[in-house]
Every structure is written in C-alpha cells, then in structure tokens.
Amino acid sequence: MRPVQRLAIGRTSDDATPVPTATESPTRQTHVVLYDDECPLCTFQMKMLSWLDWFNTLSLVPLSDPQAKALAPSLTREDLLEAIHCVTPTGRIYRGARCLRFVGMRLPLLIPMALILWIPGVIYVAERIYQWISRNRLVLSRIFGCKGACTILPAREREQDKLA
C-alpha cells in the first residue's frame, strides 16, 4: 500500500501553534525521533533514550539520514535543526519540549517528567528553556563534555534505529 499524504494542518488541544503532519506509513509501528547527529549533546541524549526505551517504542533517525526528510516532508532542514522532532505512526509531528513530553509518556522512567510538563503553563516555560538550550547546544556540549561522555556511554544497537 502507498503512503498517504496529509494536507491538513493539525492542532492539539494544548498547542496554540499549528503542527504540520507528515506522510503516513501504515507499516511503521514506532514513533520516529529526528535529531541532529552533528551535535554531541543531541547524540548523547539519543543514546540515553535508546537505553530508556525498554519497550522499543522509538526509532531514532539522525538528520543526516536521507529518510529524515521523507518522514517530515513539510519541515525544512532549518526547522529540523532547531529542535528535536517526533513523528508518530499516524503522521503527527511534535517538536521541542512537546516532543520530550510526548516521548516521556512512552518511556517508564521519564513519565514523572512528562507528567510535570502537563501541568498548565509548564510547557510554555519548558519551550522557552528548550529554545535557549537548542540555540546554545554546541557551547553546552563543550561545557558539559558531551563528546567525552558519549564515548563512555555505549550505543545500544537496535534494529528500528537502522531505518536507512
């Protein structure tokens, strides 16, 4: 069966800004997380997520993978570089702190953090903090030594992360 292209712009009840949808894929059962693989902080976070994903609900796709653009055709490369994105099997796209909240609700150890982000008003503060961290992620990577920490934390080999 061929993927179906959605043309509508979706909204969530807690989201005041439009969220573009992606191409639907009826065969994909996992939520795809798109991240900047040239950023040591982002890479470290994805390694952590792979170990926290006990039920294999996530697929991690670096932006350098050609499939990243196919998963979110409505987003430009600049949009993808600004924040982490999660594409659901239905084509819904979450970005930034909303992505972390969505992903957190699917990983048992992150559920408390995700629940805090559901408290009214907290997501708006979290988005501002996320934007600041995103803008300064390369500097923060050097300060916290993410490149060195990435070598300490072993990568978890998972089949769903090999989408290319």
N, C-alpha and C. Protein backbone atom coordinates (compact mmCIF):
# COMPACT_ATOMS: atom_id res chain seq x y z
N MET A 1 0.84 -1.18 0.00
CA MET A 1 0.00 0.00 0.00
C MET A 1 0.88 1.24 0.00
N ARG A 2 0.52 2.26 -0.74
CA ARG A 2 1.26 3.51 -0.86
C ARG A 2 1.00 4.42 0.34
N PRO A 3 2.01 5.18 0.82
CA PRO A 3 1.76 6.14 1.89
C PRO A 3 0.79 7.23 1.43
N VAL A 4 -0.01 7.73 2.35
CA VAL A 4 -0.99 8.76 2.05
C VAL A 4 -0.46 10.09 2.54
N GLN A 5 -0.51 11.12 1.72
CA GLN A 5 -0.04 12.44 2.11
C GLN A 5 -1.18 13.22 2.74
N ARG A 6 -0.98 13.67 3.95
CA ARG A 6 -1.98 14.53 4.60
C ARG A 6 -1.75 15.95 4.15
N LEU A 7 -2.81 16.67 3.94
CA LEU A 7 -2.70 18.05 3.52
C LEU A 7 -3.11 19.02 4.61
N ALA A 8 -3.81 18.54 5.61
CA ALA A 8 -4.31 19.43 6.66
C ALA A 8 -3.21 19.76 7.65
N ILE A 9 -3.41 20.85 8.35
CA ILE A 9 -2.51 21.21 9.44
C ILE A 9 -3.23 20.85 10.73
N GLY A 10 -2.58 20.04 11.55
CA GLY A 10 -3.22 19.56 12.77
C GLY A 10 -2.96 20.47 13.95
N ARG A 11 -3.75 20.31 14.98
CA ARG A 11 -3.59 21.04 16.23
C ARG A 11 -3.86 20.07 17.38
N THR A 12 -3.21 20.34 18.49
CA THR A 12 -3.57 19.61 19.70
C THR A 12 -4.31 20.58 20.59
N SER A 13 -5.05 20.06 21.53
CA SER A 13 -5.84 20.94 22.38
C SER A 13 -4.96 21.83 23.25
N ASP A 14 -3.71 21.39 23.56
CA ASP A 14 -2.84 22.18 24.40
C ASP A 14 -1.84 23.00 23.60
N ASP A 15 -1.92 22.97 22.30
CA ASP A 15 -0.94 23.61 21.44
C ASP A 15 -1.59 24.75 20.68
N ALA A 16 -1.10 25.97 20.87
CA ALA A 16 -1.69 27.11 20.20
C ALA A 16 -1.14 27.31 18.80
N THR A 17 -0.03 26.63 18.47
CA THR A 17 0.56 26.81 17.16
C THR A 17 0.25 25.61 16.28
N PRO A 18 0.08 25.81 14.97
CA PRO A 18 -0.20 24.68 14.07
C PRO A 18 0.98 23.72 14.03
N VAL A 19 0.68 22.46 13.90
CA VAL A 19 1.70 21.42 13.79
C VAL A 19 1.50 20.72 12.47
N PRO A 20 2.48 20.81 11.57
CA PRO A 20 2.32 20.13 10.29
C PRO A 20 2.35 18.62 10.47
N THR A 21 1.66 17.93 9.60
CA THR A 21 1.66 16.47 9.66
C THR A 21 2.59 15.93 8.60
N ALA A 22 2.99 14.68 8.75
CA ALA A 22 3.93 14.06 7.81
C ALA A 22 3.22 12.98 7.02
N THR A 23 3.97 12.37 6.14
CA THR A 23 3.44 11.27 5.34
C THR A 23 3.13 10.09 6.25
N GLU A 24 1.96 9.53 6.10
CA GLU A 24 1.59 8.39 6.92
C GLU A 24 2.23 7.13 6.37
N SER A 25 2.62 6.24 7.26
CA SER A 25 3.19 4.97 6.86
C SER A 25 2.49 3.87 7.63
N PRO A 26 1.65 3.09 6.98
CA PRO A 26 0.87 2.09 7.68
C PRO A 26 1.72 0.94 8.24
N THR A 27 2.97 0.77 7.76
CA THR A 27 3.79 -0.34 8.23
C THR A 27 4.61 0.03 9.46
N ARG A 28 4.85 1.30 9.72
CA ARG A 28 5.68 1.72 10.84
C ARG A 28 4.87 1.71 12.13
N GLN A 29 5.39 1.04 13.16
CA GLN A 29 4.69 0.94 14.43
C GLN A 29 5.34 1.79 15.52
N THR A 30 6.53 2.33 15.27
CA THR A 30 7.23 3.10 16.28
C THR A 30 7.11 4.60 16.01
N HIS A 31 7.38 5.36 17.03
CA HIS A 31 7.45 6.82 16.90
C HIS A 31 8.88 7.14 16.50
N VAL A 32 9.05 7.95 15.47
CA VAL A 32 10.38 8.27 14.96
C VAL A 32 10.85 9.60 15.54
N VAL A 33 12.02 9.56 16.18
CA VAL A 33 12.62 10.76 16.75
C VAL A 33 13.72 11.22 15.79
N LEU A 34 13.59 12.45 15.29
CA LEU A 34 14.57 13.05 14.39
C LEU A 34 15.47 13.98 15.20
N TYR A 35 16.79 13.78 15.08
CA TYR A 35 17.72 14.57 15.89
C TYR A 35 18.95 14.95 15.07
N ASP A 36 19.65 15.97 15.55
CA ASP A 36 20.87 16.47 14.90
C ASP A 36 22.05 15.60 15.34
N ASP A 37 22.53 14.76 14.44
CA ASP A 37 23.62 13.85 14.78
C ASP A 37 24.99 14.52 14.73
N GLU A 38 25.05 15.81 14.36
CA GLU A 38 26.31 16.54 14.40
C GLU A 38 26.48 17.28 15.72
N CYS A 39 25.49 17.20 16.59
CA CYS A 39 25.53 17.85 17.90
C CYS A 39 25.83 16.80 18.96
N PRO A 40 26.97 16.94 19.69
CA PRO A 40 27.30 15.95 20.72
C PRO A 40 26.24 15.84 21.82
N LEU A 41 25.63 16.96 22.20
CA LEU A 41 24.59 16.93 23.24
C LEU A 41 23.38 16.14 22.75
N CYS A 42 22.98 16.36 21.51
CA CYS A 42 21.83 15.65 20.94
C CYS A 42 22.13 14.16 20.82
N THR A 43 23.32 13.82 20.37
CA THR A 43 23.72 12.42 20.22
C THR A 43 23.73 11.73 21.57
N PHE A 44 24.24 12.40 22.59
CA PHE A 44 24.26 11.84 23.94
C PHE A 44 22.83 11.58 24.43
N GLN A 45 21.94 12.53 24.20
CA GLN A 45 20.55 12.36 24.62
C GLN A 45 19.89 11.19 23.91
N MET A 46 20.21 10.99 22.63
CA MET A 46 19.62 9.87 21.90
C MET A 46 20.16 8.54 22.41
N LYS A 47 21.44 8.51 22.79
CA LYS A 47 21.98 7.28 23.40
C LYS A 47 21.24 6.98 24.70
N MET A 48 20.98 8.02 25.49
CA MET A 48 20.23 7.83 26.74
C MET A 48 18.82 7.32 26.44
N LEU A 49 18.15 7.92 25.46
CA LEU A 49 16.79 7.50 25.12
C LEU A 49 16.77 6.04 24.66
N SER A 50 17.79 5.63 23.91
CA SER A 50 17.80 4.25 23.44
C SER A 50 17.88 3.26 24.60
N TRP A 51 18.57 3.63 25.67
CA TRP A 51 18.65 2.75 26.84
C TRP A 51 17.38 2.83 27.68
N LEU A 52 16.69 3.96 27.66
CA LEU A 52 15.46 4.12 28.43
C LEU A 52 14.23 3.54 27.71
N ASP A 53 14.36 3.26 26.44
CA ASP A 53 13.25 2.75 25.63
C ASP A 53 13.14 1.23 25.78
N TRP A 54 12.65 0.79 26.90
CA TRP A 54 12.57 -0.64 27.25
C TRP A 54 11.64 -1.41 26.31
N PHE A 55 10.59 -0.76 25.83
CA PHE A 55 9.57 -1.45 25.02
C PHE A 55 9.74 -1.19 23.52
N ASN A 56 10.86 -0.59 23.14
CA ASN A 56 11.18 -0.32 21.73
C ASN A 56 10.05 0.43 21.01
N THR A 57 9.60 1.51 21.62
CA THR A 57 8.54 2.31 21.03
C THR A 57 9.08 3.43 20.14
N LEU A 58 10.40 3.67 20.20
CA LEU A 58 11.02 4.76 19.45
C LEU A 58 11.98 4.23 18.40
N SER A 59 12.06 4.95 17.30
CA SER A 59 13.11 4.76 16.30
C SER A 59 13.86 6.08 16.21
N LEU A 60 15.16 6.03 16.33
CA LEU A 60 15.98 7.24 16.32
C LEU A 60 16.61 7.40 14.94
N VAL A 61 16.32 8.53 14.30
CA VAL A 61 16.81 8.77 12.95
C VAL A 61 17.59 10.09 12.94
N PRO A 62 18.88 10.03 12.61
CA PRO A 62 19.67 11.27 12.53
C PRO A 62 19.26 12.09 11.30
N LEU A 63 19.46 13.39 11.38
CA LEU A 63 19.08 14.26 10.26
C LEU A 63 19.94 14.02 9.03
N SER A 64 21.12 13.42 9.21
CA SER A 64 21.97 13.13 8.05
C SER A 64 21.42 11.95 7.23
N ASP A 65 20.49 11.21 7.79
CA ASP A 65 19.88 10.08 7.09
C ASP A 65 18.89 10.63 6.05
N PRO A 66 18.96 10.18 4.81
CA PRO A 66 18.03 10.68 3.78
C PRO A 66 16.56 10.43 4.13
N GLN A 67 16.30 9.45 4.93
CA GLN A 67 14.92 9.14 5.30
C GLN A 67 14.31 10.19 6.23
N ALA A 68 15.15 10.99 6.89
CA ALA A 68 14.65 12.03 7.79
C ALA A 68 13.75 13.01 7.05
N LYS A 69 14.19 13.46 5.89
CA LYS A 69 13.39 14.41 5.10
C LYS A 69 12.09 13.76 4.62
N ALA A 70 12.15 12.47 4.27
CA ALA A 70 10.95 11.77 3.81
C ALA A 70 9.92 11.60 4.93
N LEU A 71 10.39 11.48 6.16
CA LEU A 71 9.49 11.30 7.30
C LEU A 71 8.75 12.59 7.66
N ALA A 72 9.39 13.73 7.38
CA ALA A 72 8.78 15.02 7.70
C ALA A 72 8.96 15.96 6.52
N PRO A 73 8.27 15.69 5.41
CA PRO A 73 8.48 16.50 4.20
C PRO A 73 8.03 17.95 4.33
N SER A 74 7.15 18.24 5.27
CA SER A 74 6.66 19.60 5.41
C SER A 74 7.61 20.49 6.19
N LEU A 75 8.68 19.90 6.76
CA LEU A 75 9.64 20.67 7.55
C LEU A 75 10.92 20.89 6.76
N THR A 76 11.46 22.10 6.86
CA THR A 76 12.73 22.40 6.21
C THR A 76 13.88 21.87 7.06
N ARG A 77 15.06 21.81 6.48
CA ARG A 77 16.24 21.37 7.24
C ARG A 77 16.49 22.29 8.44
N GLU A 78 16.27 23.60 8.25
CA GLU A 78 16.45 24.56 9.34
C GLU A 78 15.49 24.27 10.49
N ASP A 79 14.23 23.95 10.13
CA ASP A 79 13.24 23.60 11.16
C ASP A 79 13.71 22.38 11.95
N LEU A 80 14.21 21.38 11.22
CA LEU A 80 14.66 20.15 11.87
C LEU A 80 15.88 20.38 12.75
N LEU A 81 16.74 21.32 12.36
CA LEU A 81 17.94 21.61 13.15
C LEU A 81 17.63 22.43 14.40
N GLU A 82 16.50 23.13 14.41
CA GLU A 82 16.16 23.97 15.56
C GLU A 82 15.74 23.17 16.78
N ALA A 83 15.16 21.98 16.58
CA ALA A 83 14.63 21.24 17.72
C ALA A 83 14.51 19.76 17.38
N ILE A 84 14.39 18.97 18.43
CA ILE A 84 14.11 17.55 18.28
C ILE A 84 12.67 17.42 17.79
N HIS A 85 12.41 16.44 16.94
CA HIS A 85 11.06 16.20 16.42
C HIS A 85 10.70 14.73 16.59
N CYS A 86 9.45 14.47 16.84
CA CYS A 86 8.95 13.10 16.91
C CYS A 86 7.78 12.98 15.94
N VAL A 87 7.89 12.00 15.03
CA VAL A 87 6.84 11.74 14.05
C VAL A 87 6.13 10.46 14.48
N THR A 88 4.84 10.54 14.74
CA THR A 88 4.08 9.38 15.16
C THR A 88 3.73 8.51 13.95
N PRO A 89 3.31 7.27 14.17
CA PRO A 89 2.90 6.42 13.04
C PRO A 89 1.73 7.01 12.23
N THR A 90 0.93 7.87 12.85
CA THR A 90 -0.19 8.49 12.14
C THR A 90 0.23 9.75 11.39
N GLY A 91 1.50 10.18 11.55
CA GLY A 91 1.98 11.35 10.85
C GLY A 91 2.01 12.63 11.65
N ARG A 92 1.57 12.61 12.87
CA ARG A 92 1.58 13.78 13.75
C ARG A 92 3.02 14.11 14.13
N ILE A 93 3.38 15.39 14.15
CA ILE A 93 4.74 15.80 14.49
C ILE A 93 4.73 16.65 15.76
N TYR A 94 5.57 16.26 16.70
CA TYR A 94 5.78 17.02 17.93
C TYR A 94 7.20 17.56 17.90
N ARG A 95 7.42 18.79 18.40
CA ARG A 95 8.77 19.37 18.38
C ARG A 95 9.12 19.96 19.73
N GLY A 96 10.42 20.02 20.00
CA GLY A 96 10.92 20.67 21.19
C GLY A 96 10.45 20.03 22.48
N ALA A 97 10.01 20.87 23.43
CA ALA A 97 9.56 20.38 24.73
C ALA A 97 8.32 19.51 24.60
N ARG A 98 7.47 19.81 23.62
CA ARG A 98 6.29 18.96 23.40
C ARG A 98 6.70 17.56 22.92
N CYS A 99 7.77 17.50 22.18
CA CYS A 99 8.31 16.20 21.76
C CYS A 99 8.81 15.44 22.99
N LEU A 100 9.54 16.13 23.86
CA LEU A 100 10.05 15.48 25.07
C LEU A 100 8.91 14.99 25.96
N ARG A 101 7.83 15.78 26.03
CA ARG A 101 6.67 15.36 26.82
C ARG A 101 6.01 14.13 26.19
N PHE A 102 5.85 14.13 24.88
CA PHE A 102 5.24 13.01 24.17
C PHE A 102 6.08 11.75 24.33
N VAL A 103 7.37 11.86 24.09
CA VAL A 103 8.28 10.72 24.22
C VAL A 103 8.33 10.25 25.67
N GLY A 104 8.37 11.19 26.60
CA GLY A 104 8.43 10.86 28.02
C GLY A 104 7.26 10.03 28.50
N MET A 105 6.09 10.24 27.93
CA MET A 105 4.92 9.46 28.32
C MET A 105 5.00 8.01 27.84
N ARG A 106 5.95 7.72 26.97
CA ARG A 106 6.10 6.35 26.44
C ARG A 106 7.30 5.60 27.02
N LEU A 107 8.10 6.27 27.85
CA LEU A 107 9.26 5.65 28.49
C LEU A 107 9.05 5.68 30.00
N PRO A 108 8.93 4.51 30.63
CA PRO A 108 8.55 4.45 32.05
C PRO A 108 9.34 5.36 32.99
N LEU A 109 10.65 5.46 32.83
CA LEU A 109 11.43 6.28 33.75
C LEU A 109 11.25 7.78 33.51
N LEU A 110 10.72 8.17 32.36
CA LEU A 110 10.52 9.59 32.06
C LEU A 110 9.08 10.05 32.28
N ILE A 111 8.20 9.14 32.66
CA ILE A 111 6.80 9.53 32.88
C ILE A 111 6.65 10.64 33.92
N PRO A 112 7.37 10.62 35.07
CA PRO A 112 7.22 11.74 36.02
C PRO A 112 7.55 13.10 35.39
N MET A 113 8.63 13.18 34.60
CA MET A 113 8.98 14.43 33.93
C MET A 113 7.88 14.84 32.96
N ALA A 114 7.37 13.88 32.21
CA ALA A 114 6.32 14.17 31.23
C ALA A 114 5.04 14.66 31.92
N LEU A 115 4.71 14.07 33.06
CA LEU A 115 3.51 14.50 33.79
C LEU A 115 3.66 15.93 34.29
N ILE A 116 4.85 16.30 34.71
CA ILE A 116 5.08 17.69 35.15
C ILE A 116 4.85 18.64 33.98
N LEU A 117 5.23 18.24 32.79
CA LEU A 117 5.05 19.09 31.61
C LEU A 117 3.58 19.24 31.22
N TRP A 118 2.69 18.42 31.79
CA TRP A 118 1.26 18.55 31.52
C TRP A 118 0.58 19.55 32.46
N ILE A 119 1.29 20.00 33.51
CA ILE A 119 0.71 21.00 34.41
C ILE A 119 0.51 22.29 33.60
N PRO A 120 -0.67 22.90 33.71
CA PRO A 120 -0.93 24.10 32.90
C PRO A 120 0.16 25.17 33.07
N GLY A 121 0.63 25.66 31.94
CA GLY A 121 1.64 26.71 31.92
C GLY A 121 3.08 26.21 31.91
N VAL A 122 3.32 25.01 32.39
CA VAL A 122 4.69 24.49 32.47
C VAL A 122 5.28 24.27 31.08
N ILE A 123 4.49 23.83 30.13
CA ILE A 123 5.00 23.55 28.79
C ILE A 123 5.51 24.83 28.12
N TYR A 124 4.89 25.96 28.40
CA TYR A 124 5.33 27.22 27.81
C TYR A 124 6.69 27.63 28.36
N VAL A 125 6.89 27.44 29.66
CA VAL A 125 8.19 27.71 30.28
C VAL A 125 9.22 26.72 29.74
N ALA A 126 8.84 25.45 29.63
CA ALA A 126 9.74 24.41 29.12
C ALA A 126 10.15 24.71 27.68
N GLU A 127 9.23 25.23 26.86
CA GLU A 127 9.56 25.58 25.48
C GLU A 127 10.60 26.69 25.43
N ARG A 128 10.48 27.70 26.30
CA ARG A 128 11.46 28.79 26.33
C ARG A 128 12.83 28.26 26.76
N ILE A 129 12.85 27.40 27.76
CA ILE A 129 14.12 26.80 28.22
C ILE A 129 14.71 25.94 27.11
N TYR A 130 13.85 25.15 26.45
CA TYR A 130 14.31 24.30 25.36
C TYR A 130 14.91 25.13 24.23
N GLN A 131 14.26 26.24 23.87
CA GLN A 131 14.77 27.10 22.80
C GLN A 131 16.15 27.65 23.15
N TRP A 132 16.34 28.05 24.41
CA TRP A 132 17.64 28.57 24.84
C TRP A 132 18.71 27.48 24.75
N ILE A 133 18.38 26.29 25.25
CA ILE A 133 19.33 25.17 25.19
C ILE A 133 19.64 24.83 23.74
N SER A 134 18.63 24.81 22.89
CA SER A 134 18.82 24.47 21.48
C SER A 134 19.74 25.47 20.79
N ARG A 135 19.54 26.76 21.07
CA ARG A 135 20.39 27.79 20.46
C ARG A 135 21.84 27.67 20.92
N ASN A 136 22.05 27.21 22.15
CA ASN A 136 23.39 27.16 22.76
C ASN A 136 23.91 25.74 22.92
N ARG A 137 23.35 24.78 22.19
CA ARG A 137 23.68 23.37 22.42
C ARG A 137 25.13 23.02 22.12
N LEU A 138 25.74 23.66 21.15
CA LEU A 138 27.13 23.34 20.84
C LEU A 138 28.07 23.84 21.94
N VAL A 139 27.78 25.02 22.48
CA VAL A 139 28.57 25.55 23.59
C VAL A 139 28.35 24.68 24.83
N LEU A 140 27.10 24.33 25.10
CA LEU A 140 26.79 23.48 26.25
C LEU A 140 27.45 22.10 26.12
N SER A 141 27.54 21.60 24.90
CA SER A 141 28.20 20.31 24.67
C SER A 141 29.66 20.37 25.10
N ARG A 142 30.32 21.49 24.80
CA ARG A 142 31.72 21.64 25.20
C ARG A 142 31.85 21.81 26.71
N ILE A 143 30.94 22.59 27.30
CA ILE A 143 31.00 22.83 28.75
C ILE A 143 30.79 21.53 29.53
N PHE A 144 29.80 20.75 29.14
CA PHE A 144 29.48 19.52 29.86
C PHE A 144 30.26 18.30 29.36
N GLY A 145 31.07 18.48 28.34
CA GLY A 145 31.89 17.39 27.83
C GLY A 145 31.09 16.25 27.24
N CYS A 146 30.05 16.58 26.50
CA CYS A 146 29.19 15.53 25.93
C CYS A 146 29.94 14.62 24.98
N LYS A 147 30.91 15.15 24.28
CA LYS A 147 31.64 14.31 23.33
C LYS A 147 32.38 13.19 24.08
N GLY A 148 33.01 13.54 25.20
CA GLY A 148 33.69 12.54 26.02
C GLY A 148 32.71 11.60 26.69
N ALA A 149 31.57 12.11 27.14
CA ALA A 149 30.57 11.26 27.79
C ALA A 149 29.97 10.29 26.80
N CYS A 150 29.87 10.72 25.55
CA CYS A 150 29.33 9.83 24.52
C CYS A 150 30.21 8.61 24.31
N THR A 151 31.52 8.77 24.50
CA THR A 151 32.41 7.63 24.34
C THR A 151 32.30 6.68 25.53
N ILE A 152 31.92 7.21 26.69
CA ILE A 152 31.76 6.36 27.89
C ILE A 152 30.47 5.56 27.80
N LEU A 153 29.39 6.23 27.40
CA LEU A 153 28.09 5.56 27.30
C LEU A 153 28.04 4.75 26.01
N PRO A 154 27.94 3.44 26.11
CA PRO A 154 27.91 2.63 24.88
C PRO A 154 26.60 2.81 24.13
N ALA A 155 26.69 2.72 22.83
CA ALA A 155 25.49 2.79 22.00
C ALA A 155 24.74 1.47 22.12
N ARG A 156 23.44 1.54 22.18
CA ARG A 156 22.60 0.34 22.22
C ARG A 156 22.18 0.04 20.79
N GLU A 157 22.60 -1.09 20.29
CA GLU A 157 22.26 -1.48 18.93
C GLU A 157 20.81 -1.97 18.89
N ARG A 158 20.00 -1.28 18.08
CA ARG A 158 18.58 -1.63 17.96
C ARG A 158 18.22 -1.66 16.49
N GLU A 159 17.43 -2.62 16.11
CA GLU A 159 17.05 -2.78 14.70
C GLU A 159 16.24 -1.59 14.18
N GLN A 160 15.32 -1.06 15.00
CA GLN A 160 14.45 0.02 14.49
C GLN A 160 15.20 1.33 14.28
N ASP A 161 16.42 1.47 14.81
CA ASP A 161 17.19 2.67 14.58
C ASP A 161 17.93 2.64 13.25
N LYS A 162 17.87 1.53 12.56
CA LYS A 162 18.54 1.38 11.27
C LYS A 162 17.50 1.46 10.15
N LEU A 163 16.93 2.63 10.00
CA LEU A 163 15.85 2.80 9.02
C LEU A 163 16.37 3.04 7.61
N ALA A 164 17.62 3.39 7.48
CA ALA A 164 18.15 3.72 6.16
C ALA A 164 18.32 2.50 5.29
